[in-house]
Amino acid sequence: MERVKINSEYITLGQFLKYVNIVSSGGMVKAILQDTKIHVNDILEARRGKKLYPGDKIVIKGHGDYRIIK
């Protein structure tokens, strides 16, 4: 599991996907959310505005497992 450090209170799922280099631009976020299963804390998630906080676990099929840390 890869640990991803953030310096703010939270990061949105769309920002997270750019931060870990899964997408190169914000315009690609919508497409990956439609085509890829993403679980946040074991719940299927498709909202790019979903807030991710330290301690959250993100599993992206075909890309890996991540944990948000402060």
Protein backbone atom coordinates (compact mmCIF):
# COMPACT_ATOMS: atom_id res chain seq x y z
CA MET A 1 0.00 0.00 0.00
CA GLU A 2 1.38 3.37 -1.04
CA ARG A 3 1.11 6.21 1.47
CA VAL A 4 0.13 9.60 0.06
CA LYS A 5 0.90 12.62 2.23
CA ILE A 6 -1.32 15.69 2.03
CA ASN A 7 -0.72 19.07 3.64
CA SER A 8 -4.35 20.18 3.79
CA GLU A 9 -7.39 18.98 5.75
CA TYR A 10 -8.61 16.91 2.78
CA ILE A 11 -8.12 16.33 -0.94
CA THR A 12 -10.86 15.57 -3.46
CA LEU A 13 -10.84 12.32 -5.39
CA GLY A 14 -10.25 14.22 -8.64
CA GLN A 15 -7.26 16.06 -7.14
CA PHE A 16 -5.96 12.78 -5.73
CA LEU A 17 -6.03 11.08 -9.15
CA LYS A 18 -3.90 13.91 -10.56
CA TYR A 19 -1.61 13.97 -7.51
CA VAL A 20 -0.67 10.28 -7.86
CA ASN A 21 -0.28 10.64 -11.66
CA ILE A 22 -3.15 8.36 -12.67
CA VAL A 23 -4.49 11.15 -14.86
CA SER A 24 -2.55 14.05 -16.33
CA SER A 25 -5.38 16.59 -16.42
CA GLY A 26 -8.67 17.35 -14.74
CA GLY A 27 -10.52 16.61 -17.96
CA MET A 28 -9.45 12.97 -17.79
CA VAL A 29 -10.86 12.46 -14.29
CA LYS A 30 -14.46 11.99 -15.48
CA ALA A 31 -13.42 9.29 -17.95
CA ILE A 32 -11.40 7.28 -15.43
CA LEU A 33 -14.23 7.49 -12.89
CA GLN A 34 -16.58 5.97 -15.48
CA ASP A 35 -14.16 3.28 -16.70
CA THR A 36 -12.34 2.23 -13.51
CA LYS A 37 -13.61 0.81 -10.23
CA ILE A 38 -12.43 3.01 -7.37
CA HIS A 39 -13.19 2.09 -3.75
CA VAL A 40 -12.83 4.57 -0.89
CA ASN A 41 -12.89 2.80 2.48
CA ASP A 42 -14.35 -0.29 0.74
CA ILE A 43 -17.24 1.66 -0.81
CA LEU A 44 -17.47 2.07 -4.60
CA GLU A 45 -17.02 5.75 -5.41
CA ALA A 46 -17.58 7.68 -8.66
CA ARG A 47 -17.79 11.31 -7.47
CA ARG A 48 -14.72 13.35 -8.32
CA GLY A 49 -15.58 15.80 -5.53
CA LYS A 50 -15.53 13.09 -2.83
CA LYS A 51 -13.40 14.42 0.04
CA LEU A 52 -10.53 12.19 1.14
CA TYR A 53 -9.15 12.65 4.65
CA PRO A 54 -6.05 11.30 6.42
CA GLY A 55 -6.65 7.63 7.22
CA ASP A 56 -8.82 6.99 4.15
CA LYS A 57 -7.96 3.95 2.04
CA ILE A 58 -8.31 4.16 -1.75
CA VAL A 59 -8.19 1.09 -4.00
CA ILE A 60 -8.02 1.74 -7.74
CA LYS A 61 -8.40 -1.37 -9.86
CA GLY A 62 -5.36 -1.80 -12.07
CA HIS A 63 -3.42 1.01 -10.36
CA GLY A 64 -2.93 0.08 -6.70
CA ASP A 65 -3.86 0.68 -3.09
CA TYR A 66 -3.29 4.00 -1.33
CA ARG A 67 -3.64 5.42 2.19
CA ILE A 68 -3.95 9.17 2.85
CA ILE A 69 -1.64 10.40 5.60
CA LYS A 70 -1.12 13.84 7.15
